[in-house]
């Protein structure tokens, strides 16, 4: 099989086209939202929200409702609770996140114990089912993803101001609490629409890894917000093609591809890569450009 045949052969299948579209959308949306997550050191909340959708999916399964909708409701509720309780500065945000993360997962386990026969759906939820996505799923991801991108564009400067100096942002009249709330909800929705691509266990990587790689490549937020979705979308597509070529799990290969890109950036980034820093250190101070 030639390279061209390899690239075009999967397009004969409807499920492949749907999977590729969702992979692209998830990579772009998570890259944009993830830039703010990485800059604010919010990776833990991404993990917490990813697991907090568990009780919503369990309840939706028991009641015969849409699993993604159930997960979205549970994730948004948890994000709202974290944003509210984290305003008390006697508790660090990671402590509040840990409390609600554990509580949500515990609730999910309790609800799940009342619903025998959930194993198959649970496996899909945990590890992703990107090749089984329907047209309705693609439409949902596209609509929610578009809204998230528009919302991020409108609030980008305010998010940045809050990230750089919260007290200064308050002093100039920015609604810091509501901006925190908006970002938490947007993180939740980005995670929910990506669950089918990589699953609950791996979705944090799609949110954080592209943005972390972009952070190594540039010092400018604007460039980072452009690079992260490119890395996320590109890594998702490459991972999907590798899954097709080797008949292996798509979600896992997407995450491994993104991790490989991050490692390349870690070593070879023009200014902040390990090798670049090592060369700079080896050059005497007087001889540096």
C-alpha atoms as a PDB file:
ATOM      1  CA  UNK A   1       0.000   0.000   0.000  1.00  0.00           C
ATOM      2  CA  UNK A   2       1.389   3.381  -0.989  1.00  0.00           C
ATOM      3  CA  UNK A   3       1.371   6.360   1.353  1.00  0.00           C
ATOM      4  CA  UNK A   4      -1.434   7.968  -0.656  1.00  0.00           C
ATOM      5  CA  UNK A   5      -3.548   4.809  -0.484  1.00  0.00           C
ATOM      6  CA  UNK A   6      -2.948   4.612   3.248  1.00  0.00           C
ATOM      7  CA  UNK A   7      -4.138   8.193   3.713  1.00  0.00           C
ATOM      8  CA  UNK A   8      -7.236   7.847   1.533  1.00  0.00           C
ATOM      9  CA  UNK A   9      -8.372   4.263   2.187  1.00  0.00           C
ATOM     10  CA  UNK A  10     -10.163   4.951   5.520  1.00  0.00           C
ATOM     11  CA  UNK A  11     -12.297   7.665   3.895  1.00  0.00           C
ATOM     12  CA  UNK A  12     -14.412   4.960   2.290  1.00  0.00           C
ATOM     13  CA  UNK A  13     -16.058   4.369   5.650  1.00  0.00           C
ATOM     14  CA  UNK A  14     -18.671   6.653   7.190  1.00  0.00           C
ATOM     15  CA  UNK A  15     -17.590   5.794  10.733  1.00  0.00           C
ATOM     16  CA  UNK A  16     -14.039   6.907   9.897  1.00  0.00           C
ATOM     17  CA  UNK A  17     -15.147  10.284   8.592  1.00  0.00           C
ATOM     18  CA  UNK A  18     -17.227  10.850  11.731  1.00  0.00           C
ATOM     19  CA  UNK A  19     -14.351   9.780  13.960  1.00  0.00           C
ATOM     20  CA  UNK A  20     -11.893  12.047  12.166  1.00  0.00           C
ATOM     21  CA  UNK A  21     -14.195  15.054  12.454  1.00  0.00           C
ATOM     22  CA  UNK A  22     -14.733  14.509  16.174  1.00  0.00           C
ATOM     23  CA  UNK A  23     -10.989  13.990  16.701  1.00  0.00           C
ATOM     24  CA  UNK A  24     -10.260  17.285  14.944  1.00  0.00           C
ATOM     25  CA  UNK A  25     -12.940  19.191  16.851  1.00  0.00           C
ATOM     26  CA  UNK A  26     -11.919  17.742  20.200  1.00  0.00           C
ATOM     27  CA  UNK A  27      -8.252  18.520  19.553  1.00  0.00           C
ATOM     28  CA  UNK A  28      -8.970  22.125  18.598  1.00  0.00           C
ATOM     29  CA  UNK A  29     -11.393  22.862  21.437  1.00  0.00           C
ATOM     30  CA  UNK A  30      -9.274  21.197  24.118  1.00  0.00           C
ATOM     31  CA  UNK A  31      -6.184  22.968  22.795  1.00  0.00           C
ATOM     32  CA  UNK A  32      -7.795  26.398  23.121  1.00  0.00           C
ATOM     33  CA  UNK A  33      -9.418  25.798  26.523  1.00  0.00           C
ATOM     34  CA  UNK A  34      -6.367  23.889  27.725  1.00  0.00           C
ATOM     35  CA  UNK A  35      -4.136  26.918  27.155  1.00  0.00           C
ATOM     36  CA  UNK A  36      -5.903  28.707  29.994  1.00  0.00           C
ATOM     37  CA  UNK A  37      -5.923  25.545  32.102  1.00  0.00           C
ATOM     38  CA  UNK A  38      -2.129  25.204  31.804  1.00  0.00           C
ATOM     39  CA  UNK A  39      -1.430  28.901  32.395  1.00  0.00           C
ATOM     40  CA  UNK A  40      -3.538  28.888  35.555  1.00  0.00           C
ATOM     41  CA  UNK A  41      -2.180  25.586  36.848  1.00  0.00           C
ATOM     42  CA  UNK A  42      -5.670  24.038  36.722  1.00  0.00           C
ATOM     43  CA  UNK A  43      -4.704  20.556  35.504  1.00  0.00           C
ATOM     44  CA  UNK A  44      -6.098  19.040  38.692  1.00  0.00           C
ATOM     45  CA  UNK A  45      -9.543  20.521  38.074  1.00  0.00           C
ATOM     46  CA  UNK A  46      -9.489  19.002  34.618  1.00  0.00           C
ATOM     47  CA  UNK A  47      -8.889  15.598  36.169  1.00  0.00           C
ATOM     48  CA  UNK A  48     -11.571  16.198  38.792  1.00  0.00           C
ATOM     49  CA  UNK A  49     -14.187  17.272  36.258  1.00  0.00           C
ATOM     50  CA  UNK A  50     -13.332  14.335  33.995  1.00  0.00           C
ATOM     51  CA  UNK A  51     -14.138  11.978  36.844  1.00  0.00           C
ATOM     52  CA  UNK A  52     -17.070  13.979  38.195  1.00  0.00           C
ATOM     53  CA  UNK A  53     -19.109  13.194  35.074  1.00  0.00           C
ATOM     54  CA  UNK A  54     -19.171   9.599  36.304  1.00  0.00           C
ATOM     55  CA  UNK A  55     -22.232   9.909  38.595  1.00  0.00           C
ATOM     56  CA  UNK A  56     -24.170  11.769  35.894  1.00  0.00           C
ATOM     57  CA  UNK A  57     -23.528   8.983  33.409  1.00  0.00           C
ATOM     58  CA  UNK A  58     -24.477   6.361  35.993  1.00  0.00           C
ATOM     59  CA  UNK A  59     -27.752   8.154  36.826  1.00  0.00           C
ATOM     60  CA  UNK A  60     -28.537   8.644  33.125  1.00  0.00           C
ATOM     61  CA  UNK A  61     -27.972   4.934  32.499  1.00  0.00           C
ATOM     62  CA  UNK A  62     -30.267   3.899  35.359  1.00  0.00           C
ATOM     63  CA  UNK A  63     -33.007   6.274  34.152  1.00  0.00           C
ATOM     64  CA  UNK A  64     -32.534   5.419  30.465  1.00  0.00           C
ATOM     65  CA  UNK A  65     -31.440   8.959  29.519  1.00  0.00           C
ATOM     66  CA  UNK A  66     -28.653  10.228  27.247  1.00  0.00           C
ATOM     67  CA  UNK A  67     -25.302   9.367  28.842  1.00  0.00           C
ATOM     68  CA  UNK A  68     -23.407  12.393  27.511  1.00  0.00           C
ATOM     69  CA  UNK A  69     -26.115  14.778  28.702  1.00  0.00           C
ATOM     70  CA  UNK A  70     -26.080  13.153  32.133  1.00  0.00           C
ATOM     71  CA  UNK A  71     -22.313  13.476  32.318  1.00  0.00           C
ATOM     72  CA  UNK A  72     -22.434  17.103  31.231  1.00  0.00           C
ATOM     73  CA  UNK A  73     -24.957  18.020  33.934  1.00  0.00           C
ATOM     74  CA  UNK A  74     -22.925  16.282  36.635  1.00  0.00           C
ATOM     75  CA  UNK A  75     -19.690  17.875  35.449  1.00  0.00           C
ATOM     76  CA  UNK A  76     -21.161  21.382  35.331  1.00  0.00           C
ATOM     77  CA  UNK A  77     -22.692  21.008  38.805  1.00  0.00           C
ATOM     78  CA  UNK A  78     -19.343  19.859  40.204  1.00  0.00           C
ATOM     79  CA  UNK A  79     -17.505  22.711  38.465  1.00  0.00           C
ATOM     80  CA  UNK A  80     -19.978  25.223  39.921  1.00  0.00           C
ATOM     81  CA  UNK A  81     -19.516  23.814  43.430  1.00  0.00           C
ATOM     82  CA  UNK A  82     -15.720  23.956  43.095  1.00  0.00           C
ATOM     83  CA  UNK A  83     -15.836  27.565  41.874  1.00  0.00           C
ATOM     84  CA  UNK A  84     -18.116  28.615  44.749  1.00  0.00           C
ATOM     85  CA  UNK A  85     -16.258  26.850  47.570  1.00  0.00           C
ATOM     86  CA  UNK A  86     -12.820  27.860  46.254  1.00  0.00           C
ATOM     87  CA  UNK A  87     -13.677  31.531  46.890  1.00  0.00           C
ATOM     88  CA  UNK A  88     -12.932  30.906  50.587  1.00  0.00           C
ATOM     89  CA  UNK A  89      -9.208  31.673  50.634  1.00  0.00           C
ATOM     90  CA  UNK A  90      -8.595  29.693  53.831  1.00  0.00           C
ATOM     91  CA  UNK A  91      -8.830  26.599  51.636  1.00  0.00           C
ATOM     92  CA  UNK A  92      -6.591  26.122  48.636  1.00  0.00           C
ATOM     93  CA  UNK A  93      -8.361  25.322  45.391  1.00  0.00           C
ATOM     94  CA  UNK A  94      -6.737  21.889  45.107  1.00  0.00           C
ATOM     95  CA  UNK A  95      -8.226  20.908  48.485  1.00  0.00           C
ATOM     96  CA  UNK A  96     -11.733  21.887  47.379  1.00  0.00           C
ATOM     97  CA  UNK A  97     -11.243  20.051  44.075  1.00  0.00           C
ATOM     98  CA  UNK A  98     -10.088  16.926  45.881  1.00  0.00           C
ATOM     99  CA  UNK A  99     -13.161  16.929  48.119  1.00  0.00           C
ATOM    100  CA  UNK A 100     -15.707  17.198  45.311  1.00  0.00           C
ATOM    101  CA  UNK A 101     -13.723  14.908  43.016  1.00  0.00           C
ATOM    102  CA  UNK A 102     -13.873  12.130  45.616  1.00  0.00           C
ATOM    103  CA  UNK A 103     -17.512  12.829  46.478  1.00  0.00           C
ATOM    104  CA  UNK A 104     -18.625  12.748  42.840  1.00  0.00           C
ATOM    105  CA  UNK A 105     -16.776   9.526  42.118  1.00  0.00           C
ATOM    106  CA  UNK A 106     -18.150   7.959  45.301  1.00  0.00           C
ATOM    107  CA  UNK A 107     -21.685   8.901  44.276  1.00  0.00           C
ATOM    108  CA  UNK A 108     -21.090   7.351  40.870  1.00  0.00           C
ATOM    109  CA  UNK A 109     -19.972   4.075  42.439  1.00  0.00           C
ATOM    110  CA  UNK A 110     -23.063   3.986  44.683  1.00  0.00           C
ATOM    111  CA  UNK A 111     -25.420   4.646  41.779  1.00  0.00           C
ATOM    112  CA  UNK A 112     -23.583   2.142  39.603  1.00  0.00           C
ATOM    113  CA  UNK A 113     -24.016  -0.566  42.233  1.00  0.00           C
ATOM    114  CA  UNK A 114     -27.795  -0.343  41.706  1.00  0.00           C
ATOM    115  CA  UNK A 115     -27.525  -0.960  37.950  1.00  0.00           C
ATOM    116  CA  UNK A 116     -26.267  -4.459  37.086  1.00  0.00           C
ATOM    117  CA  UNK A 117     -25.168  -4.919  33.501  1.00  0.00           C
ATOM    118  CA  UNK A 118     -23.473  -1.539  33.141  1.00  0.00           C
ATOM    119  CA  UNK A 119     -20.078  -3.016  32.235  1.00  0.00           C
ATOM    120  CA  UNK A 120     -20.208  -2.503  28.472  1.00  0.00           C
ATOM    121  CA  UNK A 121     -21.287   1.115  28.665  1.00  0.00           C
ATOM    122  CA  UNK A 122     -18.761   1.761  31.409  1.00  0.00           C
ATOM    123  CA  UNK A 123     -15.929   0.404  29.283  1.00  0.00           C
ATOM    124  CA  UNK A 124     -16.909   2.739  26.431  1.00  0.00           C
ATOM    125  CA  UNK A 125     -17.047   5.657  28.851  1.00  0.00           C
ATOM    126  CA  UNK A 126     -13.658   4.887  30.404  1.00  0.00           C
ATOM    127  CA  UNK A 127     -11.679   4.190  27.237  1.00  0.00           C
ATOM    128  CA  UNK A 128     -13.586   6.024  24.489  1.00  0.00           C
ATOM    129  CA  UNK A 129     -15.500   4.772  21.463  1.00  0.00           C
ATOM    130  CA  UNK A 130     -14.540   7.198  18.716  1.00  0.00           C
ATOM    131  CA  UNK A 131     -15.211   4.692  15.924  1.00  0.00           C
ATOM    132  CA  UNK A 132     -18.776   4.201  17.145  1.00  0.00           C
ATOM    133  CA  UNK A 133     -19.816   7.856  17.008  1.00  0.00           C
ATOM    134  CA  UNK A 134     -23.142   8.665  15.349  1.00  0.00           C
ATOM    135  CA  UNK A 135     -24.122  11.627  13.176  1.00  0.00           C
ATOM    136  CA  UNK A 136     -26.017  13.086  16.132  1.00  0.00           C
ATOM    137  CA  UNK A 137     -22.861  12.872  18.261  1.00  0.00           C
ATOM    138  CA  UNK A 138     -20.865  14.690  15.599  1.00  0.00           C
ATOM    139  CA  UNK A 139     -23.480  17.450  15.462  1.00  0.00           C
ATOM    140  CA  UNK A 140     -23.457  17.813  19.253  1.00  0.00           C
ATOM    141  CA  UNK A 141     -19.678  18.037  19.372  1.00  0.00           C
ATOM    142  CA  UNK A 142     -19.639  20.578  16.530  1.00  0.00           C
ATOM    143  CA  UNK A 143     -22.284  22.839  18.104  1.00  0.00           C
ATOM    144  CA  UNK A 144     -20.837  22.748  21.627  1.00  0.00           C
ATOM    145  CA  UNK A 145     -17.303  23.106  20.288  1.00  0.00           C
ATOM    146  CA  UNK A 146     -18.240  26.153  18.213  1.00  0.00           C
ATOM    147  CA  UNK A 147     -19.907  27.794  21.220  1.00  0.00           C
ATOM    148  CA  UNK A 148     -16.836  27.132  23.360  1.00  0.00           C
ATOM    149  CA  UNK A 149     -14.493  28.647  20.770  1.00  0.00           C
ATOM    150  CA  UNK A 150     -16.679  31.746  20.436  1.00  0.00           C
ATOM    151  CA  UNK A 151     -16.941  32.074  24.216  1.00  0.00           C
ATOM    152  CA  UNK A 152     -13.187  31.740  24.648  1.00  0.00           C
ATOM    153  CA  UNK A 153     -12.586  34.373  21.981  1.00  0.00           C
ATOM    154  CA  UNK A 154     -14.925  36.813  23.715  1.00  0.00           C
ATOM    155  CA  UNK A 155     -13.492  36.229  27.201  1.00  0.00           C
ATOM    156  CA  UNK A 156      -9.857  35.613  26.296  1.00  0.00           C
ATOM    157  CA  UNK A 157      -8.486  38.980  27.472  1.00  0.00           C
ATOM    158  CA  UNK A 158     -10.433  38.770  30.739  1.00  0.00           C
ATOM    159  CA  UNK A 159      -9.268  35.229  31.394  1.00  0.00           C
ATOM    160  CA  UNK A 160      -5.695  36.388  30.788  1.00  0.00           C
ATOM    161  CA  UNK A 161      -6.008  39.344  33.153  1.00  0.00           C
ATOM    162  CA  UNK A 162      -7.419  37.096  35.881  1.00  0.00           C
ATOM    163  CA  UNK A 163      -4.637  34.568  35.349  1.00  0.00           C
ATOM    164  CA  UNK A 164      -1.826  37.136  35.562  1.00  0.00           C
ATOM    165  CA  UNK A 165      -3.034  39.009  38.675  1.00  0.00           C
ATOM    166  CA  UNK A 166      -6.351  38.189  40.362  1.00  0.00           C
ATOM    167  CA  UNK A 167      -6.171  41.078  42.816  1.00  0.00           C
ATOM    168  CA  UNK A 168      -5.397  43.590  40.085  1.00  0.00           C
ATOM    169  CA  UNK A 169      -8.257  42.167  38.033  1.00  0.00           C
ATOM    170  CA  UNK A 170     -10.608  42.735  40.970  1.00  0.00           C
ATOM    171  CA  UNK A 171      -9.247  46.246  41.453  1.00  0.00           C
ATOM    172  CA  UNK A 172     -10.092  47.223  37.867  1.00  0.00           C
ATOM    173  CA  UNK A 173     -13.609  45.870  38.239  1.00  0.00           C
ATOM    174  CA  UNK A 174     -13.419  42.497  36.521  1.00  0.00           C
ATOM    175  CA  UNK A 175     -15.935  39.930  37.860  1.00  0.00           C
ATOM    176  CA  UNK A 176     -13.295  37.384  38.927  1.00  0.00           C
ATOM    177  CA  UNK A 177     -15.758  34.917  40.460  1.00  0.00           C
ATOM    178  CA  UNK A 178     -17.947  34.818  37.354  1.00  0.00           C
ATOM    179  CA  UNK A 179     -14.899  34.479  35.123  1.00  0.00           C
ATOM    180  CA  UNK A 180     -13.717  31.547  37.244  1.00  0.00           C
ATOM    181  CA  UNK A 181     -17.182  30.047  36.961  1.00  0.00           C
ATOM    182  CA  UNK A 182     -17.255  30.504  33.191  1.00  0.00           C
ATOM    183  CA  UNK A 183     -13.836  28.897  32.747  1.00  0.00           C
ATOM    184  CA  UNK A 184     -14.753  25.929  34.951  1.00  0.00           C
ATOM    185  CA  UNK A 185     -17.934  25.322  32.979  1.00  0.00           C
ATOM    186  CA  UNK A 186     -16.074  25.648  29.682  1.00  0.00           C
ATOM    187  CA  UNK A 187     -13.464  23.136  30.843  1.00  0.00           C
ATOM    188  CA  UNK A 188     -16.280  20.772  31.768  1.00  0.00           C
ATOM    189  CA  UNK A 189     -17.970  21.039  28.383  1.00  0.00           C
ATOM    190  CA  UNK A 190     -14.654  20.612  26.539  1.00  0.00           C
ATOM    191  CA  UNK A 191     -14.039  17.430  28.515  1.00  0.00           C
ATOM    192  CA  UNK A 192     -17.527  16.078  27.928  1.00  0.00           C
ATOM    193  CA  UNK A 193     -17.395  16.475  24.149  1.00  0.00           C
ATOM    194  CA  UNK A 194     -13.984  14.748  24.118  1.00  0.00           C
ATOM    195  CA  UNK A 195     -15.003  11.722  26.185  1.00  0.00           C
ATOM    196  CA  UNK A 196     -16.007   9.689  23.141  1.00  0.00           C
ATOM    197  CA  UNK A 197     -12.659  10.373  21.481  1.00  0.00           C
ATOM    198  CA  UNK A 198     -10.287   9.220  24.219  1.00  0.00           C
ATOM    199  CA  UNK A 199     -12.450   8.206  27.183  1.00  0.00           C
ATOM    200  CA  UNK A 200     -12.704   9.426  30.737  1.00  0.00           C
ATOM    201  CA  UNK A 201      -9.329   8.096  31.851  1.00  0.00           C
ATOM    202  CA  UNK A 202      -7.314   9.778  29.083  1.00  0.00           C
ATOM    203  CA  UNK A 203      -9.294  12.961  28.434  1.00  0.00           C
ATOM    204  CA  UNK A 204      -7.064  15.057  30.712  1.00  0.00           C
ATOM    205  CA  UNK A 205      -4.167  14.424  28.320  1.00  0.00           C
ATOM    206  CA  UNK A 206      -6.129  15.918  25.415  1.00  0.00           C
ATOM    207  CA  UNK A 207      -6.840  18.989  27.541  1.00  0.00           C
ATOM    208  CA  UNK A 208      -3.370  19.559  28.986  1.00  0.00           C
ATOM    209  CA  UNK A 209      -0.690  17.973  26.774  1.00  0.00           C
ATOM    210  CA  UNK A 210      -1.121  20.109  23.600  1.00  0.00           C
ATOM    211  CA  UNK A 211      -1.209  23.303  25.650  1.00  0.00           C
ATOM    212  CA  UNK A 212       1.859  22.259  27.658  1.00  0.00           C
ATOM    213  CA  UNK A 213       3.751  21.542  24.427  1.00  0.00           C
ATOM    214  CA  UNK A 214       2.723  24.919  23.024  1.00  0.00           C
ATOM    215  CA  UNK A 215       3.853  26.579  26.249  1.00  0.00           C
ATOM    216  CA  UNK A 216       7.362  25.256  25.607  1.00  0.00           C
ATOM    217  CA  UNK A 217       7.363  26.674  22.090  1.00  0.00           C
ATOM    218  CA  UNK A 218       6.313  30.266  22.784  1.00  0.00           C
ATOM    219  CA  UNK A 219       6.173  32.938  25.481  1.00  0.00           C
ATOM    220  CA  UNK A 220       3.172  34.681  23.947  1.00  0.00           C
ATOM    221  CA  UNK A 221      -0.351  33.700  24.945  1.00  0.00           C
ATOM    222  CA  UNK A 222      -1.758  34.553  21.519  1.00  0.00           C
ATOM    223  CA  UNK A 223       0.704  32.227  19.807  1.00  0.00           C
ATOM    224  CA  UNK A 224       0.086  29.560  22.426  1.00  0.00           C
ATOM    225  CA  UNK A 225      -3.672  29.640  21.831  1.00  0.00           C
ATOM    226  CA  UNK A 226      -2.974  29.085  18.123  1.00  0.00           C
ATOM    227  CA  UNK A 227      -0.312  26.396  18.531  1.00  0.00           C
ATOM    228  CA  UNK A 228      -2.140  24.289  21.126  1.00  0.00           C
ATOM    229  CA  UNK A 229      -5.192  23.500  18.957  1.00  0.00           C
ATOM    230  CA  UNK A 230      -2.913  22.757  15.992  1.00  0.00           C
ATOM    231  CA  UNK A 231      -0.972  20.274  18.109  1.00  0.00           C
ATOM    232  CA  UNK A 232      -4.180  18.829  19.565  1.00  0.00           C
ATOM    233  CA  UNK A 233      -5.860  18.384  16.192  1.00  0.00           C
ATOM    234  CA  UNK A 234      -2.717  17.107  14.469  1.00  0.00           C
ATOM    235  CA  UNK A 235      -1.941  14.619  17.217  1.00  0.00           C
ATOM    236  CA  UNK A 236      -5.534  13.374  17.225  1.00  0.00           C
ATOM    237  CA  UNK A 237      -5.503  12.756  13.466  1.00  0.00           C
ATOM    238  CA  UNK A 238      -2.112  11.018  13.529  1.00  0.00           C
ATOM    239  CA  UNK A 239      -3.227   8.854  16.461  1.00  0.00           C
ATOM    240  CA  UNK A 240      -6.386   7.907  14.606  1.00  0.00           C
ATOM    241  CA  UNK A 241      -4.418   6.892  11.497  1.00  0.00           C
ATOM    242  CA  UNK A 242      -2.034   4.828  13.646  1.00  0.00           C
ATOM    243  CA  UNK A 243      -5.054   3.118  15.156  1.00  0.00           C
ATOM    244  CA  UNK A 244      -6.253   2.250  11.658  1.00  0.00           C
ATOM    245  CA  UNK A 245      -2.825   1.022  10.571  1.00  0.00           C
ATOM    246  CA  UNK A 246      -2.068  -1.184  13.565  1.00  0.00           C
ATOM    247  CA  UNK A 247      -5.626  -2.036  14.699  1.00  0.00           C
ATOM    248  CA  UNK A 248      -5.016  -0.682  18.187  1.00  0.00           C
ATOM    249  CA  UNK A 249      -7.056   1.481  20.575  1.00  0.00           C
ATOM    250  CA  UNK A 250      -7.622   4.924  19.045  1.00  0.00           C
ATOM    251  CA  UNK A 251      -7.890   6.842  22.326  1.00  0.00           C
ATOM    252  CA  UNK A 252      -4.634   5.469  23.677  1.00  0.00           C
ATOM    253  CA  UNK A 253      -2.731   6.145  20.454  1.00  0.00           C
ATOM    254  CA  UNK A 254      -4.044   9.715  20.293  1.00  0.00           C
ATOM    255  CA  UNK A 255      -2.724  10.358  23.797  1.00  0.00           C
ATOM    256  CA  UNK A 256       0.619   8.671  23.075  1.00  0.00           C
ATOM    257  CA  UNK A 257       1.035  10.742  19.911  1.00  0.00           C
ATOM    258  CA  UNK A 258       0.405  13.966  21.821  1.00  0.00           C
ATOM    259  CA  UNK A 259       2.838  12.832  24.515  1.00  0.00           C
ATOM    260  CA  UNK A 260       5.490  12.205  21.844  1.00  0.00           C
ATOM    261  CA  UNK A 261       4.988  15.767  20.542  1.00  0.00           C
ATOM    262  CA  UNK A 262       5.350  17.112  24.094  1.00  0.00           C
ATOM    263  CA  UNK A 263       8.600  15.180  24.582  1.00  0.00           C
ATOM    264  CA  UNK A 264       9.978  16.539  21.309  1.00  0.00           C
ATOM    265  CA  UNK A 265       9.145  20.058  22.476  1.00  0.00           C
ATOM    266  CA  UNK A 266      10.682  19.355  25.882  1.00  0.00           C
ATOM    267  CA  UNK A 267      13.989  18.425  24.278  1.00  0.00           C
ATOM    268  CA  UNK A 268      14.112  20.562  21.125  1.00  0.00           C
ATOM    269  CA  UNK A 269      12.012  23.705  21.678  1.00  0.00           C
ATOM    270  CA  UNK A 270      13.963  26.692  20.272  1.00  0.00           C
ATOM    271  CA  UNK A 271      14.161  28.672  23.530  1.00  0.00           C
ATOM    272  CA  UNK A 272      12.950  26.439  26.360  1.00  0.00           C
ATOM    273  CA  UNK A 273      13.980  22.962  25.208  1.00  0.00           C
ATOM    274  CA  UNK A 274      16.345  20.929  27.383  1.00  0.00           C
ATOM    275  CA  UNK A 275      19.043  20.745  24.703  1.00  0.00           C
ATOM    276  CA  UNK A 276      18.743  24.448  23.935  1.00  0.00           C
ATOM    277  CA  UNK A 277      19.161  25.341  27.593  1.00  0.00           C
ATOM    278  CA  UNK A 278      22.105  22.981  27.882  1.00  0.00           C
ATOM    279  CA  UNK A 279      23.870  24.601  24.918  1.00  0.00           C
ATOM    280  CA  UNK A 280      23.171  28.064  26.322  1.00  0.00           C
ATOM    281  CA  UNK A 281      24.648  27.070  29.677  1.00  0.00           C
ATOM    282  CA  UNK A 282      27.740  25.628  28.003  1.00  0.00           C
ATOM    283  CA  UNK A 283      28.512  28.902  26.185  1.00  0.00           C
ATOM    284  CA  UNK A 284      30.496  31.387  28.316  1.00  0.00           C
ATOM    285  CA  UNK A 285      28.482  34.441  29.331  1.00  0.00           C
ATOM    286  CA  UNK A 286      30.664  36.833  27.358  1.00  0.00           C
ATOM    287  CA  UNK A 287      30.226  34.858  24.139  1.00  0.00           C
ATOM    288  CA  UNK A 288      26.403  34.625  24.241  1.00  0.00           C
ATOM    289  CA  UNK A 289      24.512  36.597  21.578  1.00  0.00           C
END
